[in-house]
Amino acid sequence: MNLPVKIPALRLRVTATAETILRSGHPWLFAESVREQNRDGQLGELAVIYDRNDAFLAIGLFDPDSPLRVRILHSGKPLRIDAAWWKKRLAETTQRRAGLFDAQTTGYRWINGESDGWPGLVLDRYETTLVLKLYTAAWLPRLEEIAEIISDQIPNERIILRLSRNMQTVAQNEFKLNDGQILRGSPLDGAVIFLENGLRFEADVLRGQKTGFFLDQRENRRRVESLAQGRDVLNAFSFSGGFSVYAARGGARSVTDLDISAHALESARRNFALNESHAAVKACRHETIQTDAFEWVAGNPNRKFDLIVLDPPSLAKREAERAGAIQAYGKLARHAVSHLNAGGILVAASCSAHVSADEFFAMLRETARSSGGKFAELQTTAHAPDHPATFREAQYLKCIYLQFEGGSKWR
């Protein structure tokens, strides 16, 4: 009788530097930090990491084809990762959102990747639809198990799978999974409508950017609403008009949306229409301009505004692009200030993780000083509470509010 061969656990030993980093709680182990491995590892299996004294250091999801070789699930004392462990971790994650939102907000983040202990996995809620986005193929072998645990703990009508571009080929070829596929629940035709602070928005959960909407800017949208009364507002890089609808409800006289995507501007117009039950939104003049926002802001010197929102896409997707991104942000902000009326407010945000908050804010302050006019810094903001960032690489979002009292030499 042939007994099944038991495959030994995948065991790794790492460099001294990596040991120190993992002990600090960092959730990533890179391939160049692995110095010993007892066998070839398979995609998604658990890799146990030991220190130089053969003591347990950490355990995580293994990806043999990624330079980010192991995504850490747990470090410290040894433990068993099984179905009960996954259920407990999800319960802890959802509990951290307890009390954050009321019935007026039905769109928010349930799981924020590494910072919630789910490396490379994001889960967003849009009304009764859950969107599960994966950034590493290491989750694919256990996707069915994770989707079942999520369904058991979080009520939903459906779960939709979204996949980062770097893993779509392996998902299709090896697991027959596609971006935008409905994993569980009823079919969906079109966008999902959800609530955010009492405003209605559509989310293209099947094909849209990220998981369908930029939920991370919710708190900044509320701040813009509080500043918009009686102002003419410019929303550069407007996407589907989230900042614009908030500004309109806040009493803006007019809102102008700039975006290079006709599809995004159509969505912005639909989002305005969804909220015409608010008298202030209905009364607000809404203009959409399909254009390269960088070029438009650099030109059109006769267009003046009282509040300008700059929220461009990431300008530094790798460290080598950091210096160029800071320079580009500065040039954009300088042009934007030239469009501000006296007393106007500039709201400048960055979603580039490679540009730190200190660097970004310093650049904006220097840009404001060089304008030649008086200005006041109203506030700076970071991540929303449902988007925690527990390690440096996760800290991507930052925003600054600057009010310019008079004119600038750039006018």
Protein backbone atom coordinates (compact mmCIF):
# COMPACT_ATOMS: atom_id res chain seq x y z
CA MET A 1 0.00 0.00 0.00
CA ASN A 2 1.41 3.36 -1.06
CA LEU A 3 0.95 6.10 1.49
CA PRO A 4 0.70 9.71 0.32
CA VAL A 5 3.97 11.56 0.51
CA LYS A 6 3.82 14.44 2.96
CA ILE A 7 5.45 17.55 1.51
CA PRO A 8 7.54 19.37 4.12
CA ALA A 9 6.57 22.90 5.00
CA LEU A 10 8.27 25.57 2.91
CA ARG A 11 11.05 26.97 5.08
CA LEU A 12 13.03 30.11 4.37
CA ARG A 13 15.99 31.80 6.01
CA VAL A 14 16.70 35.42 5.26
CA THR A 15 19.47 37.98 5.53
CA ALA A 16 20.22 39.70 8.82
CA THR A 17 18.82 42.96 7.47
CA ALA A 18 15.57 41.25 6.48
CA GLU A 19 15.29 39.71 9.94
CA THR A 20 15.40 43.16 11.49
CA ILE A 21 12.85 44.52 9.03
CA LEU A 22 10.42 41.64 9.61
CA ARG A 23 10.75 41.95 13.39
CA SER A 24 9.71 45.59 13.06
CA GLY A 25 6.41 44.39 11.57
CA HIS A 26 7.05 45.15 7.91
CA PRO A 27 4.78 43.00 5.71
CA TRP A 28 7.08 42.36 2.72
CA LEU A 29 9.98 39.99 2.08
CA PHE A 30 11.82 40.48 -1.21
CA ALA A 31 13.47 37.71 -3.21
CA GLU A 32 16.99 39.10 -2.79
CA SER A 33 16.61 38.81 0.99
CA VAL A 34 16.09 35.01 0.88
CA ARG A 35 19.40 33.21 1.54
CA GLU A 36 18.14 29.63 2.08
CA GLN A 37 15.06 27.71 0.93
CA ASN A 38 14.43 24.04 1.63
CA ARG A 39 12.52 23.38 -1.64
CA ASP A 40 10.80 25.06 -4.56
CA GLY A 41 7.69 26.83 -3.38
CA GLN A 42 4.27 26.90 -5.03
CA LEU A 43 2.14 29.95 -5.68
CA GLY A 44 0.08 30.90 -2.63
CA GLU A 45 1.43 28.33 -0.21
CA LEU A 46 2.43 29.34 3.30
CA ALA A 47 6.13 30.04 3.71
CA VAL A 48 7.60 29.85 7.22
CA ILE A 49 10.52 32.17 7.83
CA TYR A 50 13.18 31.37 10.43
CA ASP A 51 15.93 33.51 11.87
CA ARG A 52 19.65 32.61 12.00
CA ASN A 53 19.07 30.72 15.28
CA ASP A 54 16.37 28.57 13.68
CA ALA A 55 13.63 30.32 15.65
CA PHE A 56 10.26 31.18 14.07
CA LEU A 57 10.21 34.69 12.65
CA ALA A 58 7.14 35.03 10.40
CA ILE A 59 4.74 33.28 8.04
CA GLY A 60 3.20 34.52 4.81
CA LEU A 61 1.95 33.88 1.28
CA PHE A 62 4.63 32.76 -1.19
CA ASP A 63 4.90 33.86 -4.82
CA PRO A 64 7.78 32.21 -6.71
CA ASP A 65 7.47 34.56 -9.70
CA SER A 66 7.36 37.89 -7.91
CA PRO A 67 10.30 39.95 -6.63
CA LEU A 68 8.07 40.50 -3.59
CA ARG A 69 8.53 36.87 -2.62
CA VAL A 70 6.50 36.60 0.60
CA ARG A 71 3.56 38.71 1.83
CA ILE A 72 3.64 38.43 5.61
CA LEU A 73 0.48 37.35 7.42
CA HIS A 74 1.90 37.01 10.93
CA SER A 75 5.17 37.58 12.76
CA GLY A 76 6.23 36.90 16.34
CA LYS A 77 5.18 33.66 18.01
CA PRO A 78 4.38 30.54 15.95
CA LEU A 79 0.73 29.83 15.20
CA ARG A 80 -1.44 27.73 12.93
CA ILE A 81 -3.10 29.46 9.99
CA ASP A 82 -6.34 27.62 9.21
CA ALA A 83 -9.98 28.42 8.52
CA ALA A 84 -10.59 29.49 12.11
CA TRP A 85 -7.63 31.86 11.93
CA TRP A 86 -8.93 33.49 8.73
CA LYS A 87 -12.39 33.93 10.23
CA LYS A 88 -10.95 35.53 13.35
CA ARG A 89 -8.80 37.90 11.30
CA LEU A 90 -11.77 39.04 9.22
CA ALA A 91 -13.86 39.60 12.35
CA GLU A 92 -11.07 41.75 13.81
CA THR A 93 -10.79 43.71 10.57
CA THR A 94 -14.49 44.50 10.32
CA GLN A 95 -14.66 45.40 14.00
CA ARG A 96 -12.16 48.19 13.37
CA ARG A 97 -14.81 49.84 11.15
CA ALA A 98 -17.51 49.61 13.80
CA GLY A 99 -19.17 52.98 14.31
CA LEU A 100 -17.37 54.74 11.47
CA PHE A 101 -20.37 55.02 9.16
CA ASP A 102 -24.13 55.42 9.42
CA ALA A 103 -26.90 54.64 6.95
CA GLN A 104 -26.01 57.77 4.94
CA THR A 105 -22.74 56.14 3.82
CA THR A 106 -22.94 52.77 2.09
CA GLY A 107 -19.61 52.93 0.27
CA TYR A 108 -16.39 52.33 2.20
CA ARG A 109 -13.42 50.02 2.62
CA TRP A 110 -13.73 46.83 4.66
CA ILE A 111 -10.16 45.57 4.16
CA ASN A 112 -7.17 47.75 3.34
CA GLY A 113 -4.49 45.26 2.39
CA GLU A 114 -1.31 44.96 4.45
CA SER A 115 -2.43 47.61 6.92
CA ASP A 116 -5.32 45.37 7.95
CA GLY A 117 -3.28 42.16 7.86
CA TRP A 118 -4.45 41.09 4.38
CA PRO A 119 -1.38 41.75 2.22
CA GLY A 120 -2.22 42.50 -1.41
CA LEU A 121 -6.00 42.23 -0.87
CA VAL A 122 -8.60 45.02 -0.75
CA LEU A 123 -12.33 44.69 -0.07
CA ASP A 124 -14.71 47.59 -0.73
CA ARG A 125 -18.42 47.90 -0.12
CA TYR A 126 -20.80 49.61 -2.55
CA GLU A 127 -24.32 49.28 -1.13
CA THR A 128 -24.99 45.49 -1.29
CA THR A 129 -22.08 44.78 -3.66
CA LEU A 130 -18.64 43.80 -2.41
CA VAL A 131 -15.59 44.29 -4.62
CA LEU A 132 -12.57 42.12 -3.87
CA LYS A 133 -9.41 43.40 -5.51
CA LEU A 134 -6.19 41.39 -5.57
CA TYR A 135 -2.73 42.83 -6.12
CA THR A 136 -0.86 39.53 -5.85
CA ALA A 137 -1.46 36.15 -7.48
CA ALA A 138 -0.61 34.49 -4.17
CA TRP A 139 -4.27 34.80 -3.16
CA LEU A 140 -5.62 32.94 -6.20
CA PRO A 141 -5.28 29.34 -4.87
CA ARG A 142 -7.29 30.20 -1.76
CA LEU A 143 -9.74 32.64 -3.35
CA GLU A 144 -12.77 30.38 -2.98
CA GLU A 145 -12.08 29.85 0.73
CA ILE A 146 -11.64 33.59 1.36
CA ALA A 147 -14.77 34.51 -0.62
CA GLU A 148 -16.81 32.05 1.43
CA ILE A 149 -15.53 33.49 4.72
CA ILE A 150 -16.32 37.01 3.54
CA SER A 151 -19.86 36.01 2.50
CA ASP A 152 -20.46 34.36 5.86
CA GLN A 153 -19.44 37.45 7.84
CA ILE A 154 -20.43 40.40 5.63
CA PRO A 155 -23.97 40.48 4.19
CA ASN A 156 -23.95 41.10 0.45
CA GLU A 157 -25.83 40.56 -2.79
CA ARG A 158 -22.70 39.73 -4.77
CA ILE A 159 -18.90 39.65 -4.69
CA ILE A 160 -17.02 40.95 -7.72
CA LEU A 161 -13.39 40.09 -8.41
CA ARG A 162 -11.01 42.78 -9.62
CA LEU A 163 -7.42 41.97 -10.55
CA SER A 164 -4.36 44.18 -10.91
CA ARG A 165 -2.93 44.12 -14.42
CA ASN A 166 0.26 42.33 -13.43
CA MET A 167 -1.64 39.17 -12.48
CA GLN A 168 -4.47 38.96 -15.00
CA THR A 169 -2.65 36.54 -17.32
CA VAL A 170 -1.84 33.98 -14.61
CA ALA A 171 -5.37 34.33 -13.21
CA GLN A 172 -6.88 33.50 -16.60
CA ASN A 173 -4.44 30.81 -17.70
CA GLU A 174 -4.08 28.89 -14.43
CA PHE A 175 -7.31 29.63 -12.53
CA LYS A 176 -9.85 30.63 -15.22
CA LEU A 177 -10.52 33.88 -13.40
CA ASN A 178 -11.09 37.25 -15.05
CA ASP A 179 -11.09 40.88 -13.98
CA GLY A 180 -14.68 41.96 -13.35
CA GLN A 181 -15.94 38.41 -12.79
CA ILE A 182 -18.79 37.87 -10.34
CA LEU A 183 -17.53 35.32 -7.83
CA ARG A 184 -20.77 34.92 -5.91
CA GLY A 185 -24.30 36.25 -6.10
CA SER A 186 -26.62 37.75 -8.67
CA PRO A 187 -25.61 39.17 -12.07
CA LEU A 188 -24.98 42.87 -12.47
CA ASP A 189 -25.71 45.05 -15.48
CA GLY A 190 -24.20 48.53 -15.19
CA ALA A 191 -22.99 50.65 -12.32
CA VAL A 192 -23.87 50.31 -8.64
CA ILE A 193 -25.45 53.33 -6.93
CA PHE A 194 -24.29 53.93 -3.36
CA LEU A 195 -24.50 56.64 -0.70
CA GLU A 196 -21.67 58.78 0.65
CA ASN A 197 -22.64 61.23 3.39
CA GLY A 198 -26.13 61.36 1.92
CA LEU A 199 -25.00 61.96 -1.66
CA ARG A 200 -25.62 59.39 -4.39
CA PHE A 201 -22.81 58.23 -6.65
CA GLU A 202 -22.36 55.56 -9.27
CA ALA A 203 -19.46 53.10 -9.13
CA ASP A 204 -18.34 51.16 -12.19
CA VAL A 205 -17.39 48.11 -10.15
CA LEU A 206 -16.93 45.83 -13.16
CA ARG A 207 -14.52 47.91 -15.25
CA GLY A 208 -13.78 51.18 -13.46
CA GLN A 209 -10.53 52.38 -11.95
CA LYS A 210 -9.49 50.87 -8.62
CA THR A 211 -12.68 49.16 -7.40
CA GLY A 212 -15.01 51.59 -9.15
CA PHE A 213 -14.68 54.83 -7.16
CA PHE A 214 -12.05 56.72 -5.17
CA LEU A 215 -13.38 56.03 -1.68
CA ASP A 216 -10.14 57.22 -0.07
CA GLN A 217 -10.95 60.92 -0.74
CA ARG A 218 -14.25 60.88 1.17
CA GLU A 219 -13.04 63.07 4.04
CA ASN A 220 -11.41 65.61 1.72
CA ARG A 221 -14.61 65.83 -0.28
CA ARG A 222 -16.45 66.76 2.91
CA ARG A 223 -13.90 69.47 3.65
CA VAL A 224 -14.27 70.91 0.16
CA GLU A 225 -18.03 71.00 0.67
CA SER A 226 -17.54 73.09 3.83
CA LEU A 227 -15.41 75.62 1.90
CA ALA A 228 -17.49 75.92 -1.28
CA GLN A 229 -20.28 78.35 -0.31
CA GLY A 230 -20.67 81.06 -2.95
CA ARG A 231 -17.48 80.06 -4.79
CA ASP A 232 -16.65 79.26 -8.39
CA VAL A 233 -14.87 75.90 -8.25
CA LEU A 234 -12.41 74.23 -10.62
CA ASN A 235 -12.01 70.47 -10.23
CA ALA A 236 -8.97 69.46 -12.28
CA PHE A 237 -8.55 65.71 -12.93
CA SER A 238 -12.20 65.44 -11.91
CA PHE A 239 -12.80 61.75 -12.80
CA SER A 240 -16.49 61.16 -12.00
CA GLY A 241 -16.99 64.46 -10.21
CA GLY A 242 -16.92 63.45 -6.55
CA PHE A 243 -15.38 66.71 -5.31
CA SER A 244 -17.68 68.65 -7.63
CA VAL A 245 -20.95 67.20 -6.32
CA TYR A 246 -19.86 67.90 -2.74
CA ALA A 247 -18.91 71.47 -3.67
CA ALA A 248 -22.30 71.94 -5.30
CA ARG A 249 -24.14 70.73 -2.20
CA GLY A 250 -21.95 73.09 -0.19
CA GLY A 251 -23.36 76.03 -2.09
CA ALA A 252 -20.83 76.55 -4.89
CA ARG A 253 -21.98 79.06 -7.50
CA SER A 254 -20.42 77.01 -10.30
CA VAL A 255 -18.24 73.93 -10.78
CA THR A 256 -15.99 73.24 -13.77
CA ASP A 257 -14.73 69.69 -14.29
CA LEU A 258 -11.58 68.95 -16.29
CA ASP A 259 -10.73 65.43 -17.37
CA ILE A 260 -9.12 63.83 -20.40
CA SER A 261 -11.68 60.99 -20.33
CA ALA A 262 -15.06 61.54 -21.97
CA HIS A 263 -16.31 58.47 -20.09
CA ALA A 264 -15.34 60.05 -16.74
CA LEU A 265 -17.07 63.33 -17.58
CA GLU A 266 -20.23 61.48 -18.59
CA SER A 267 -20.16 59.81 -15.19
CA ALA A 268 -19.71 63.21 -13.53
CA ARG A 269 -22.81 64.51 -15.30
CA ARG A 270 -24.77 61.45 -14.20
CA ASN A 271 -23.61 61.94 -10.61
CA PHE A 272 -24.88 65.52 -10.68
CA ALA A 273 -28.21 64.27 -12.01
CA LEU A 274 -28.41 61.67 -9.25
CA ASN A 275 -28.29 64.46 -6.66
CA GLU A 276 -30.64 67.06 -8.12
CA SER A 277 -32.99 66.44 -5.19
CA HIS A 278 -30.56 68.68 -3.27
CA ALA A 279 -31.58 72.23 -4.14
CA ALA A 280 -27.99 73.50 -3.99
CA VAL A 281 -26.80 70.86 -6.45
CA LYS A 282 -29.60 71.64 -8.85
CA ALA A 283 -28.85 75.37 -8.64
CA CYS A 284 -25.10 74.96 -9.23
CA ARG A 285 -23.87 75.63 -12.78
CA HIS A 286 -21.91 72.53 -13.88
CA GLU A 287 -19.47 72.69 -16.78
CA THR A 288 -17.44 69.74 -18.10
CA ILE A 289 -14.38 70.16 -20.32
CA GLN A 290 -12.66 67.19 -21.95
CA THR A 291 -8.99 68.18 -21.97
CA ASP A 292 -5.51 67.44 -20.69
CA ALA A 293 -5.82 69.10 -17.29
CA PHE A 294 -2.10 69.89 -17.15
CA GLU A 295 -2.31 71.82 -20.42
CA TRP A 296 -5.60 73.54 -19.57
CA VAL A 297 -4.38 74.77 -16.18
CA ALA A 298 -1.13 76.00 -17.79
CA GLY A 299 -3.20 78.05 -20.25
CA ASN A 300 -6.57 79.81 -20.20
CA PRO A 301 -5.27 82.81 -18.20
CA ASN A 302 -8.63 84.59 -18.22
CA ARG A 303 -10.45 81.83 -16.29
CA LYS A 304 -10.55 82.65 -12.57
CA PHE A 305 -11.87 80.59 -9.67
CA ASP A 306 -12.35 80.86 -5.92
CA LEU A 307 -11.49 77.24 -5.11
CA ILE A 308 -9.33 74.85 -7.12
CA VAL A 309 -8.96 71.12 -6.47
CA LEU A 310 -5.83 69.44 -7.85
CA ASP A 311 -6.01 65.66 -7.48
CA PRO A 312 -3.96 64.19 -10.35
CA PRO A 313 -3.19 60.51 -10.85
CA SER A 314 0.05 59.21 -9.38
CA LEU A 315 2.98 60.99 -11.01
CA ALA A 316 5.60 58.71 -9.42
CA LYS A 317 4.87 55.01 -9.79
CA ARG A 318 8.48 54.10 -8.98
CA GLU A 319 11.25 55.66 -6.93
CA ALA A 320 13.16 56.81 -10.02
CA GLU A 321 10.24 59.09 -10.90
CA ARG A 322 10.09 60.84 -7.51
CA ALA A 323 12.12 63.96 -8.33
CA GLY A 324 10.31 64.50 -11.63
CA ALA A 325 6.95 64.08 -9.92
CA ILE A 326 7.72 66.73 -7.30
CA GLN A 327 8.79 69.12 -10.04
CA ALA A 328 5.61 68.40 -12.04
CA TYR A 329 3.39 68.92 -8.97
CA GLY A 330 5.11 72.24 -8.29
CA LYS A 331 4.61 73.45 -11.86
CA LEU A 332 0.95 72.40 -11.78
CA ALA A 333 0.34 74.17 -8.47
CA ARG A 334 2.06 77.34 -9.70
CA HIS A 335 -0.22 77.47 -12.74
CA ALA A 336 -3.27 76.76 -10.57
CA VAL A 337 -2.51 79.65 -8.22
CA SER A 338 -2.51 82.01 -11.20
CA HIS A 339 -6.20 81.11 -11.73
CA LEU A 340 -7.24 82.00 -8.16
CA ASN A 341 -9.18 85.11 -7.24
CA ALA A 342 -8.21 87.02 -4.10
CA GLY A 343 -9.13 84.90 -1.09
CA GLY A 344 -9.12 81.78 -3.24
CA ILE A 345 -8.30 78.33 -1.88
CA LEU A 346 -6.02 75.71 -3.42
CA VAL A 347 -6.69 72.09 -2.42
CA ALA A 348 -3.74 69.99 -3.61
CA ALA A 349 -3.62 66.21 -3.16
CA SER A 350 -1.12 63.51 -4.09
CA CYS A 351 -1.59 59.75 -4.29
CA SER A 352 2.07 58.97 -5.05
CA ALA A 353 3.54 56.72 -2.36
CA HIS A 354 7.06 57.53 -3.56
CA VAL A 355 6.51 61.21 -2.74
CA SER A 356 6.38 61.64 1.04
CA ALA A 357 3.95 63.96 2.79
CA ASP A 358 6.83 66.09 4.06
CA GLU A 359 8.24 66.50 0.54
CA PHE A 360 4.84 67.24 -0.96
CA PHE A 361 3.83 69.80 1.66
CA ALA A 362 7.24 71.51 1.57
CA MET A 363 6.98 71.87 -2.21
CA LEU A 364 3.47 73.38 -1.99
CA ARG A 365 4.49 75.80 0.76
CA GLU A 366 7.49 76.95 -1.26
CA THR A 367 5.27 77.36 -4.32
CA ALA A 368 2.87 79.48 -2.26
CA ARG A 369 5.71 81.65 -0.89
CA SER A 370 7.14 82.21 -4.35
CA SER A 371 3.76 83.47 -5.58
CA GLY A 372 4.56 86.82 -4.00
CA GLY A 373 1.26 87.09 -2.16
CA LYS A 374 0.15 86.39 1.40
CA PHE A 375 -1.28 82.97 2.09
CA ALA A 376 -2.53 80.91 5.00
CA GLU A 377 -2.24 77.17 5.47
CA LEU A 378 -5.65 75.96 6.54
CA GLN A 379 -4.80 72.30 7.18
CA THR A 380 -3.17 69.13 5.94
CA THR A 381 -4.79 65.69 5.83
CA ALA A 382 -3.78 62.07 5.30
CA HIS A 383 -5.63 58.76 5.13
CA ALA A 384 -9.30 58.26 5.93
CA PRO A 385 -10.04 55.99 8.93
CA ASP A 386 -11.19 53.09 6.75
CA HIS A 387 -7.91 53.34 4.79
CA PRO A 388 -5.30 52.85 7.53
CA ALA A 389 -1.61 53.01 6.57
CA THR A 390 0.59 51.17 9.05
CA PHE A 391 3.95 51.20 7.23
CA ARG A 392 5.85 53.73 5.14
CA GLU A 393 5.14 52.32 1.68
CA ALA A 394 1.40 52.32 2.41
CA GLN A 395 1.32 56.04 3.18
CA TYR A 396 0.38 57.39 -0.22
CA LEU A 397 -2.42 59.92 0.32
CA LYS A 398 -1.77 63.48 1.43
CA CYS A 399 -3.61 66.77 0.91
CA ILE A 400 -2.98 70.43 1.78
CA TYR A 401 -5.36 73.41 1.89
CA LEU A 402 -3.86 76.85 1.16
CA GLN A 403 -5.77 80.15 1.04
CA PHE A 404 -4.30 83.07 -0.88
CA GLU A 405 -5.28 86.47 0.52
CA GLY A 406 -4.35 88.64 -2.46
CA GLY A 407 -2.88 88.50 -5.90
CA SER A 408 0.18 86.66 -7.14
CA LYS A 409 2.99 87.80 -9.43
CA TRP A 410 1.95 85.02 -11.84
CA ARG A 411 -1.36 86.66 -12.74
